[in-house]
């Protein structure tokens, strides 16, 4: 998200997480989503940025799923 700091992005990610968790999927059991958030740094390459957000995602999953983690 352009012009958004990490805490604001995490807030928006948590709204997405909540909406998804509250969505009924009639054919399957309730579903959840984990999200990773990071903020781009001036010296980031696309690879560095993706690696960091991937780390945040897996940290969220290891932490019990259905959560947002900022790195």
PDB file of N, CA and C in Angstrom:
ATOM      1  N   UNK A   1       0.840  -1.174   0.000  1.00  0.00           N
ATOM      2  CA  UNK A   1       0.000   0.000   0.000  1.00  0.00           C
ATOM      3  C   UNK A   1       0.884   1.236   0.000  1.00  0.00           C
ATOM      4  N   UNK A   2       0.824   1.998  -1.043  1.00  0.00           N
ATOM      5  CA  UNK A   2       1.613   3.222  -1.140  1.00  0.00           C
ATOM      6  C   UNK A   2       1.256   4.197  -0.027  1.00  0.00           C
ATOM      7  N   UNK A   3       2.264   4.923   0.442  1.00  0.00           N
ATOM      8  CA  UNK A   3       2.066   5.978   1.442  1.00  0.00           C
ATOM      9  C   UNK A   3       1.346   5.491   2.695  1.00  0.00           C
ATOM     10  N   UNK A   4       1.650   4.276   3.129  1.00  0.00           N
ATOM     11  CA  UNK A   4       1.050   3.690   4.325  1.00  0.00           C
ATOM     12  C   UNK A   4       2.166   3.114   5.185  1.00  0.00           C
ATOM     13  N   UNK A   5       2.195   3.487   6.470  1.00  0.00           N
ATOM     14  CA  UNK A   5       3.218   2.911   7.348  1.00  0.00           C
ATOM     15  C   UNK A   5       2.804   1.502   7.766  1.00  0.00           C
ATOM     16  N   UNK A   6       3.732   0.785   8.389  1.00  0.00           N
ATOM     17  CA  UNK A   6       3.504  -0.621   8.722  1.00  0.00           C
ATOM     18  C   UNK A   6       2.330  -0.803   9.679  1.00  0.00           C
ATOM     19  N   UNK A   7       2.185   0.063  10.659  1.00  0.00           N
ATOM     20  CA  UNK A   7       1.083  -0.122  11.616  1.00  0.00           C
ATOM     21  C   UNK A   7      -0.274   0.116  10.956  1.00  0.00           C
ATOM     22  N   UNK A   8      -0.360   1.079  10.053  1.00  0.00           N
ATOM     23  CA  UNK A   8      -1.618   1.302   9.322  1.00  0.00           C
ATOM     24  C   UNK A   8      -1.920   0.132   8.395  1.00  0.00           C
ATOM     25  N   UNK A   9      -0.893  -0.382   7.743  1.00  0.00           N
ATOM     26  CA  UNK A   9      -1.074  -1.545   6.867  1.00  0.00           C
ATOM     27  C   UNK A   9      -1.515  -2.759   7.682  1.00  0.00           C
ATOM     28  N   UNK A  10      -0.945  -2.926   8.876  1.00  0.00           N
ATOM     29  CA  UNK A  10      -1.335  -4.045   9.746  1.00  0.00           C
ATOM     30  C   UNK A  10      -2.786  -3.896  10.191  1.00  0.00           C
ATOM     31  N   UNK A  11      -3.212  -2.674  10.454  1.00  0.00           N
ATOM     32  CA  UNK A  11      -4.607  -2.424  10.831  1.00  0.00           C
ATOM     33  C   UNK A  11      -5.539  -2.843   9.690  1.00  0.00           C
ATOM     34  N   UNK A  12      -5.209  -2.457   8.482  1.00  0.00           N
ATOM     35  CA  UNK A  12      -6.022  -2.823   7.316  1.00  0.00           C
ATOM     36  C   UNK A  12      -5.990  -4.337   7.100  1.00  0.00           C
ATOM     37  N   UNK A  13      -4.812  -4.933   7.262  1.00  0.00           N
ATOM     38  CA  UNK A  13      -4.690  -6.387   7.129  1.00  0.00           C
ATOM     39  C   UNK A  13      -5.564  -7.092   8.162  1.00  0.00           C
ATOM     40  N   UNK A  14      -5.632  -6.547   9.375  1.00  0.00           N
ATOM     41  CA  UNK A  14      -6.460  -7.167  10.405  1.00  0.00           C
ATOM     42  C   UNK A  14      -7.944  -7.040  10.064  1.00  0.00           C
ATOM     43  N   UNK A  15      -8.347  -5.935   9.469  1.00  0.00           N
ATOM     44  CA  UNK A  15      -9.743  -5.811   9.012  1.00  0.00           C
ATOM     45  C   UNK A  15     -10.062  -6.876   7.962  1.00  0.00           C
ATOM     46  N   UNK A  16      -9.127  -7.092   7.046  1.00  0.00           N
ATOM     47  CA  UNK A  16      -9.299  -8.136   6.026  1.00  0.00           C
ATOM     48  C   UNK A  16      -9.411  -9.500   6.701  1.00  0.00           C
ATOM     49  N   UNK A  17      -8.526  -9.752   7.671  1.00  0.00           N
ATOM     50  CA  UNK A  17      -8.539 -11.025   8.404  1.00  0.00           C
ATOM     51  C   UNK A  17      -9.880 -11.245   9.080  1.00  0.00           C
ATOM     52  N   UNK A  18     -10.396 -10.221   9.747  1.00  0.00           N
ATOM     53  CA  UNK A  18     -11.678 -10.329  10.444  1.00  0.00           C
ATOM     54  C   UNK A  18     -12.832 -10.573   9.472  1.00  0.00           C
ATOM     55  N   UNK A  19     -12.846  -9.841   8.372  1.00  0.00           N
ATOM     56  CA  UNK A  19     -13.910 -10.029   7.371  1.00  0.00           C
ATOM     57  C   UNK A  19     -13.889 -11.448   6.812  1.00  0.00           C
ATOM     58  N   UNK A  20     -12.701 -11.943   6.535  1.00  0.00           N
ATOM     59  CA  UNK A  20     -12.583 -13.299   5.999  1.00  0.00           C
ATOM     60  C   UNK A  20     -13.076 -14.317   7.019  1.00  0.00           C
ATOM     61  N   UNK A  21     -12.682 -14.148   8.285  1.00  0.00           N
ATOM     62  CA  UNK A  21     -13.090 -15.088   9.335  1.00  0.00           C
ATOM     63  C   UNK A  21     -14.598 -15.067   9.551  1.00  0.00           C
ATOM     64  N   UNK A  22     -15.229 -13.947   9.271  1.00  0.00           N
ATOM     65  CA  UNK A  22     -16.675 -13.821   9.466  1.00  0.00           C
ATOM     66  C   UNK A  22     -17.490 -14.138   8.215  1.00  0.00           C
ATOM     67  N   UNK A  23     -16.829 -14.589   7.164  1.00  0.00           N
ATOM     68  CA  UNK A  23     -17.513 -14.952   5.927  1.00  0.00           C
ATOM     69  C   UNK A  23     -17.948 -16.409   5.990  1.00  0.00           C
ATOM     70  N   UNK A  24     -19.202 -16.648   5.689  1.00  0.00           N
ATOM     71  CA  UNK A  24     -19.721 -18.021   5.696  1.00  0.00           C
ATOM     72  C   UNK A  24     -19.372 -18.712   4.383  1.00  0.00           C
ATOM     73  N   UNK A  25     -18.834 -19.896   4.516  1.00  0.00           N
ATOM     74  CA  UNK A  25     -18.544 -20.762   3.379  1.00  0.00           C
ATOM     75  C   UNK A  25     -19.413 -22.011   3.558  1.00  0.00           C
ATOM     76  N   UNK A  26     -20.603 -22.032   2.981  1.00  0.00           N
ATOM     77  CA  UNK A  26     -21.577 -23.087   3.270  1.00  0.00           C
ATOM     78  C   UNK A  26     -21.076 -24.510   3.038  1.00  0.00           C
ATOM     79  N   UNK A  27     -20.241 -24.709   2.058  1.00  0.00           N
ATOM     80  CA  UNK A  27     -19.813 -26.076   1.725  1.00  0.00           C
ATOM     81  C   UNK A  27     -18.646 -26.564   2.576  1.00  0.00           C
ATOM     82  N   UNK A  28     -18.011 -25.669   3.334  1.00  0.00           N
ATOM     83  CA  UNK A  28     -16.846 -26.061   4.136  1.00  0.00           C
ATOM     84  C   UNK A  28     -16.923 -25.418   5.517  1.00  0.00           C
ATOM     85  N   UNK A  29     -16.086 -25.881   6.394  1.00  0.00           N
ATOM     86  CA  UNK A  29     -16.045 -25.316   7.756  1.00  0.00           C
ATOM     87  C   UNK A  29     -15.517 -23.889   7.707  1.00  0.00           C
ATOM     88  N   UNK A  30     -15.664 -23.149   8.795  1.00  0.00           N
ATOM     89  CA  UNK A  30     -15.153 -21.768   8.805  1.00  0.00           C
ATOM     90  C   UNK A  30     -13.668 -21.709   8.450  1.00  0.00           C
ATOM     91  N   UNK A  31     -13.283 -20.665   7.776  1.00  0.00           N
ATOM     92  CA  UNK A  31     -11.911 -20.488   7.314  1.00  0.00           C
ATOM     93  C   UNK A  31     -11.294 -19.253   7.967  1.00  0.00           C
ATOM     94  N   UNK A  32      -9.981 -19.275   8.088  1.00  0.00           N
ATOM     95  CA  UNK A  32      -9.249 -18.119   8.601  1.00  0.00           C
ATOM     96  C   UNK A  32      -8.094 -17.816   7.660  1.00  0.00           C
ATOM     97  N   UNK A  33      -7.466 -16.671   7.886  1.00  0.00           N
ATOM     98  CA  UNK A  33      -6.326 -16.277   7.069  1.00  0.00           C
ATOM     99  C   UNK A  33      -5.281 -15.633   7.972  1.00  0.00           C
ATOM    100  N   UNK A  34      -4.032 -15.914   7.698  1.00  0.00           N
ATOM    101  CA  UNK A  34      -2.917 -15.248   8.363  1.00  0.00           C
ATOM    102  C   UNK A  34      -2.255 -14.323   7.358  1.00  0.00           C
ATOM    103  N   UNK A  35      -1.779 -13.178   7.836  1.00  0.00           N
ATOM    104  CA  UNK A  35      -1.189 -12.185   6.945  1.00  0.00           C
ATOM    105  C   UNK A  35       0.126 -11.673   7.512  1.00  0.00           C
ATOM    106  N   UNK A  36       1.076 -11.442   6.627  1.00  0.00           N
ATOM    107  CA  UNK A  36       2.349 -10.840   7.002  1.00  0.00           C
ATOM    108  C   UNK A  36       2.440  -9.438   6.440  1.00  0.00           C
ATOM    109  N   UNK A  37       2.981  -8.528   7.248  1.00  0.00           N
ATOM    110  CA  UNK A  37       3.102  -7.128   6.845  1.00  0.00           C
ATOM    111  C   UNK A  37       4.536  -6.671   7.089  1.00  0.00           C
ATOM    112  N   UNK A  38       5.064  -5.911   6.167  1.00  0.00           N
ATOM    113  CA  UNK A  38       6.361  -5.272   6.345  1.00  0.00           C
ATOM    114  C   UNK A  38       6.330  -3.930   5.628  1.00  0.00           C
ATOM    115  N   UNK A  39       7.298  -3.108   5.944  1.00  0.00           N
ATOM    116  CA  UNK A  39       7.387  -1.804   5.284  1.00  0.00           C
ATOM    117  C   UNK A  39       8.629  -1.786   4.413  1.00  0.00           C
ATOM    118  N   UNK A  40       8.467  -1.303   3.195  1.00  0.00           N
ATOM    119  CA  UNK A  40       9.594  -1.215   2.266  1.00  0.00           C
ATOM    120  C   UNK A  40      10.639  -0.246   2.809  1.00  0.00           C
ATOM    121  N   UNK A  41      11.890  -0.640   2.678  1.00  0.00           N
ATOM    122  CA  UNK A  41      13.022   0.187   3.083  1.00  0.00           C
ATOM    123  C   UNK A  41      13.677   0.761   1.834  1.00  0.00           C
ATOM    124  N   UNK A  42      14.377   1.852   1.998  1.00  0.00           N
ATOM    125  CA  UNK A  42      14.995   2.535   0.851  1.00  0.00           C
ATOM    126  C   UNK A  42      15.927   1.627   0.055  1.00  0.00           C
ATOM    127  N   UNK A  43      16.629   0.728   0.740  1.00  0.00           N
ATOM    128  CA  UNK A  43      17.603  -0.133   0.055  1.00  0.00           C
ATOM    129  C   UNK A  43      17.039  -1.501  -0.326  1.00  0.00           C
ATOM    130  N   UNK A  44      15.731  -1.688  -0.193  1.00  0.00           N
ATOM    131  CA  UNK A  44      15.121  -2.978  -0.511  1.00  0.00           C
ATOM    132  C   UNK A  44      15.165  -3.281  -1.996  1.00  0.00           C
ATOM    133  N   UNK A  45      15.424  -4.534  -2.287  1.00  0.00           N
ATOM    134  CA  UNK A  45      15.161  -5.073  -3.616  1.00  0.00           C
ATOM    135  C   UNK A  45      13.805  -5.771  -3.499  1.00  0.00           C
ATOM    136  N   UNK A  46      13.213  -6.119  -4.603  1.00  0.00           N
ATOM    137  CA  UNK A  46      11.950  -6.843  -4.555  1.00  0.00           C
ATOM    138  C   UNK A  46      12.129  -8.164  -3.809  1.00  0.00           C
ATOM    139  N   UNK A  47      13.266  -8.818  -4.020  1.00  0.00           N
ATOM    140  CA  UNK A  47      13.545 -10.083  -3.355  1.00  0.00           C
ATOM    141  C   UNK A  47      13.628  -9.902  -1.834  1.00  0.00           C
ATOM    142  N   UNK A  48      14.310  -8.867  -1.364  1.00  0.00           N
ATOM    143  CA  UNK A  48      14.421  -8.613   0.080  1.00  0.00           C
ATOM    144  C   UNK A  48      13.049  -8.338   0.692  1.00  0.00           C
ATOM    145  N   UNK A  49      12.265  -7.538   0.010  1.00  0.00           N
ATOM    146  CA  UNK A  49      10.934  -7.196   0.500  1.00  0.00           C
ATOM    147  C   UNK A  49      10.046  -8.442   0.583  1.00  0.00           C
ATOM    148  N   UNK A  50      10.047  -9.241  -0.463  1.00  0.00           N
ATOM    149  CA  UNK A  50       9.230 -10.454  -0.480  1.00  0.00           C
ATOM    150  C   UNK A  50       9.687 -11.462   0.565  1.00  0.00           C
ATOM    151  N   UNK A  51      10.978 -11.571   0.770  1.00  0.00           N
ATOM    152  CA  UNK A  51      11.508 -12.474   1.791  1.00  0.00           C
ATOM    153  C   UNK A  51      11.030 -12.052   3.176  1.00  0.00           C
ATOM    154  N   UNK A  52      11.084 -10.759   3.462  1.00  0.00           N
ATOM    155  CA  UNK A  52      10.675 -10.248   4.770  1.00  0.00           C
ATOM    156  C   UNK A  52       9.174 -10.446   5.003  1.00  0.00           C
ATOM    157  N   UNK A  53       8.354 -10.173   4.006  1.00  0.00           N
ATOM    158  CA  UNK A  53       6.917 -10.358   4.192  1.00  0.00           C
ATOM    159  C   UNK A  53       6.572 -11.844   4.290  1.00  0.00           C
ATOM    160  N   UNK A  54       7.316 -12.687   3.586  1.00  0.00           N
ATOM    161  CA  UNK A  54       7.128 -14.132   3.691  1.00  0.00           C
ATOM    162  C   UNK A  54       7.478 -14.604   5.101  1.00  0.00           C
ATOM    163  N   UNK A  55       8.545 -14.053   5.680  1.00  0.00           N
ATOM    164  CA  UNK A  55       8.918 -14.387   7.062  1.00  0.00           C
ATOM    165  C   UNK A  55       7.794 -13.995   8.026  1.00  0.00           C
ATOM    166  N   UNK A  56       7.191 -12.839   7.801  1.00  0.00           N
ATOM    167  CA  UNK A  56       6.091 -12.392   8.654  1.00  0.00           C
ATOM    168  C   UNK A  56       4.893 -13.333   8.534  1.00  0.00           C
ATOM    169  N   UNK A  57       4.592 -13.759   7.323  1.00  0.00           N
ATOM    170  CA  UNK A  57       3.483 -14.681   7.108  1.00  0.00           C
ATOM    171  C   UNK A  57       3.705 -15.987   7.857  1.00  0.00           C
ATOM    172  N   UNK A  58       4.890 -16.575   7.716  1.00  0.00           N
ATOM    173  CA  UNK A  58       5.148 -17.851   8.375  1.00  0.00           C
ATOM    174  C   UNK A  58       5.223 -17.702   9.887  1.00  0.00           C
ATOM    175  N   UNK A  59       5.654 -16.561  10.374  1.00  0.00           N
ATOM    176  CA  UNK A  59       5.630 -16.300  11.817  1.00  0.00           C
ATOM    177  C   UNK A  59       4.181 -16.262  12.306  1.00  0.00           C
ATOM    178  N   UNK A  60       3.302 -15.659  11.523  1.00  0.00           N
ATOM    179  CA  UNK A  60       1.875 -15.626  11.869  1.00  0.00           C
ATOM    180  C   UNK A  60       1.296 -17.034  11.909  1.00  0.00           C
ATOM    181  N   UNK A  61       1.641 -17.847  10.942  1.00  0.00           N
ATOM    182  CA  UNK A  61       1.132 -19.218  10.905  1.00  0.00           C
ATOM    183  C   UNK A  61       1.652 -20.033  12.086  1.00  0.00           C
ATOM    184  N   UNK A  62       2.934 -19.895  12.398  1.00  0.00           N
ATOM    185  CA  UNK A  62       3.509 -20.617  13.539  1.00  0.00           C
ATOM    186  C   UNK A  62       2.926 -20.140  14.863  1.00  0.00           C
ATOM    187  N   UNK A  63       2.476 -18.901  14.908  1.00  0.00           N
ATOM    188  CA  UNK A  63       1.941 -18.324  16.136  1.00  0.00           C
ATOM    189  C   UNK A  63       0.507 -18.736  16.433  1.00  0.00           C
ATOM    190  N   UNK A  64      -0.074 -19.567  15.630  1.00  0.00           N
ATOM    191  CA  UNK A  64      -1.415 -20.053  15.893  1.00  0.00           C
ATOM    192  C   UNK A  64      -2.413 -19.744  14.804  1.00  0.00           C
ATOM    193  N   UNK A  65      -1.950 -19.205  13.713  1.00  0.00           N
ATOM    194  CA  UNK A  65      -2.807 -18.876  12.565  1.00  0.00           C
ATOM    195  C   UNK A  65      -3.816 -17.792  12.913  1.00  0.00           C
ATOM    196  N   UNK A  66      -4.584 -17.364  11.903  1.00  0.00           N
ATOM    197  CA  UNK A  66      -5.622 -16.338  12.051  1.00  0.00           C
ATOM    198  C   UNK A  66      -5.100 -15.090  12.756  1.00  0.00           C
ATOM    199  N   UNK A  67      -3.992 -14.577  12.256  1.00  0.00           N
ATOM    200  CA  UNK A  67      -3.391 -13.387  12.860  1.00  0.00           C
ATOM    201  C   UNK A  67      -2.602 -12.581  11.842  1.00  0.00           C
ATOM    202  N   UNK A  68      -2.223 -11.391  12.249  1.00  0.00           N
ATOM    203  CA  UNK A  68      -1.406 -10.508  11.439  1.00  0.00           C
ATOM    204  C   UNK A  68      -0.090 -10.299  12.186  1.00  0.00           C
ATOM    205  N   UNK A  69       1.029 -10.429  11.477  1.00  0.00           N
ATOM    206  CA  UNK A  69       2.349 -10.200  12.071  1.00  0.00           C
ATOM    207  C   UNK A  69       3.083  -9.150  11.236  1.00  0.00           C
ATOM    208  N   UNK A  70       3.688  -8.205  11.922  1.00  0.00           N
ATOM    209  CA  UNK A  70       4.497  -7.165  11.275  1.00  0.00           C
ATOM    210  C   UNK A  70       5.963  -7.478  11.526  1.00  0.00           C
ATOM    211  N   UNK A  71       6.755  -7.424  10.481  1.00  0.00           N
ATOM    212  CA  UNK A  71       8.226  -7.515  10.605  1.00  0.00           C
ATOM    213  C   UNK A  71       8.805  -6.273   9.996  1.00  0.00           C
TER     214      UNK A  71
END
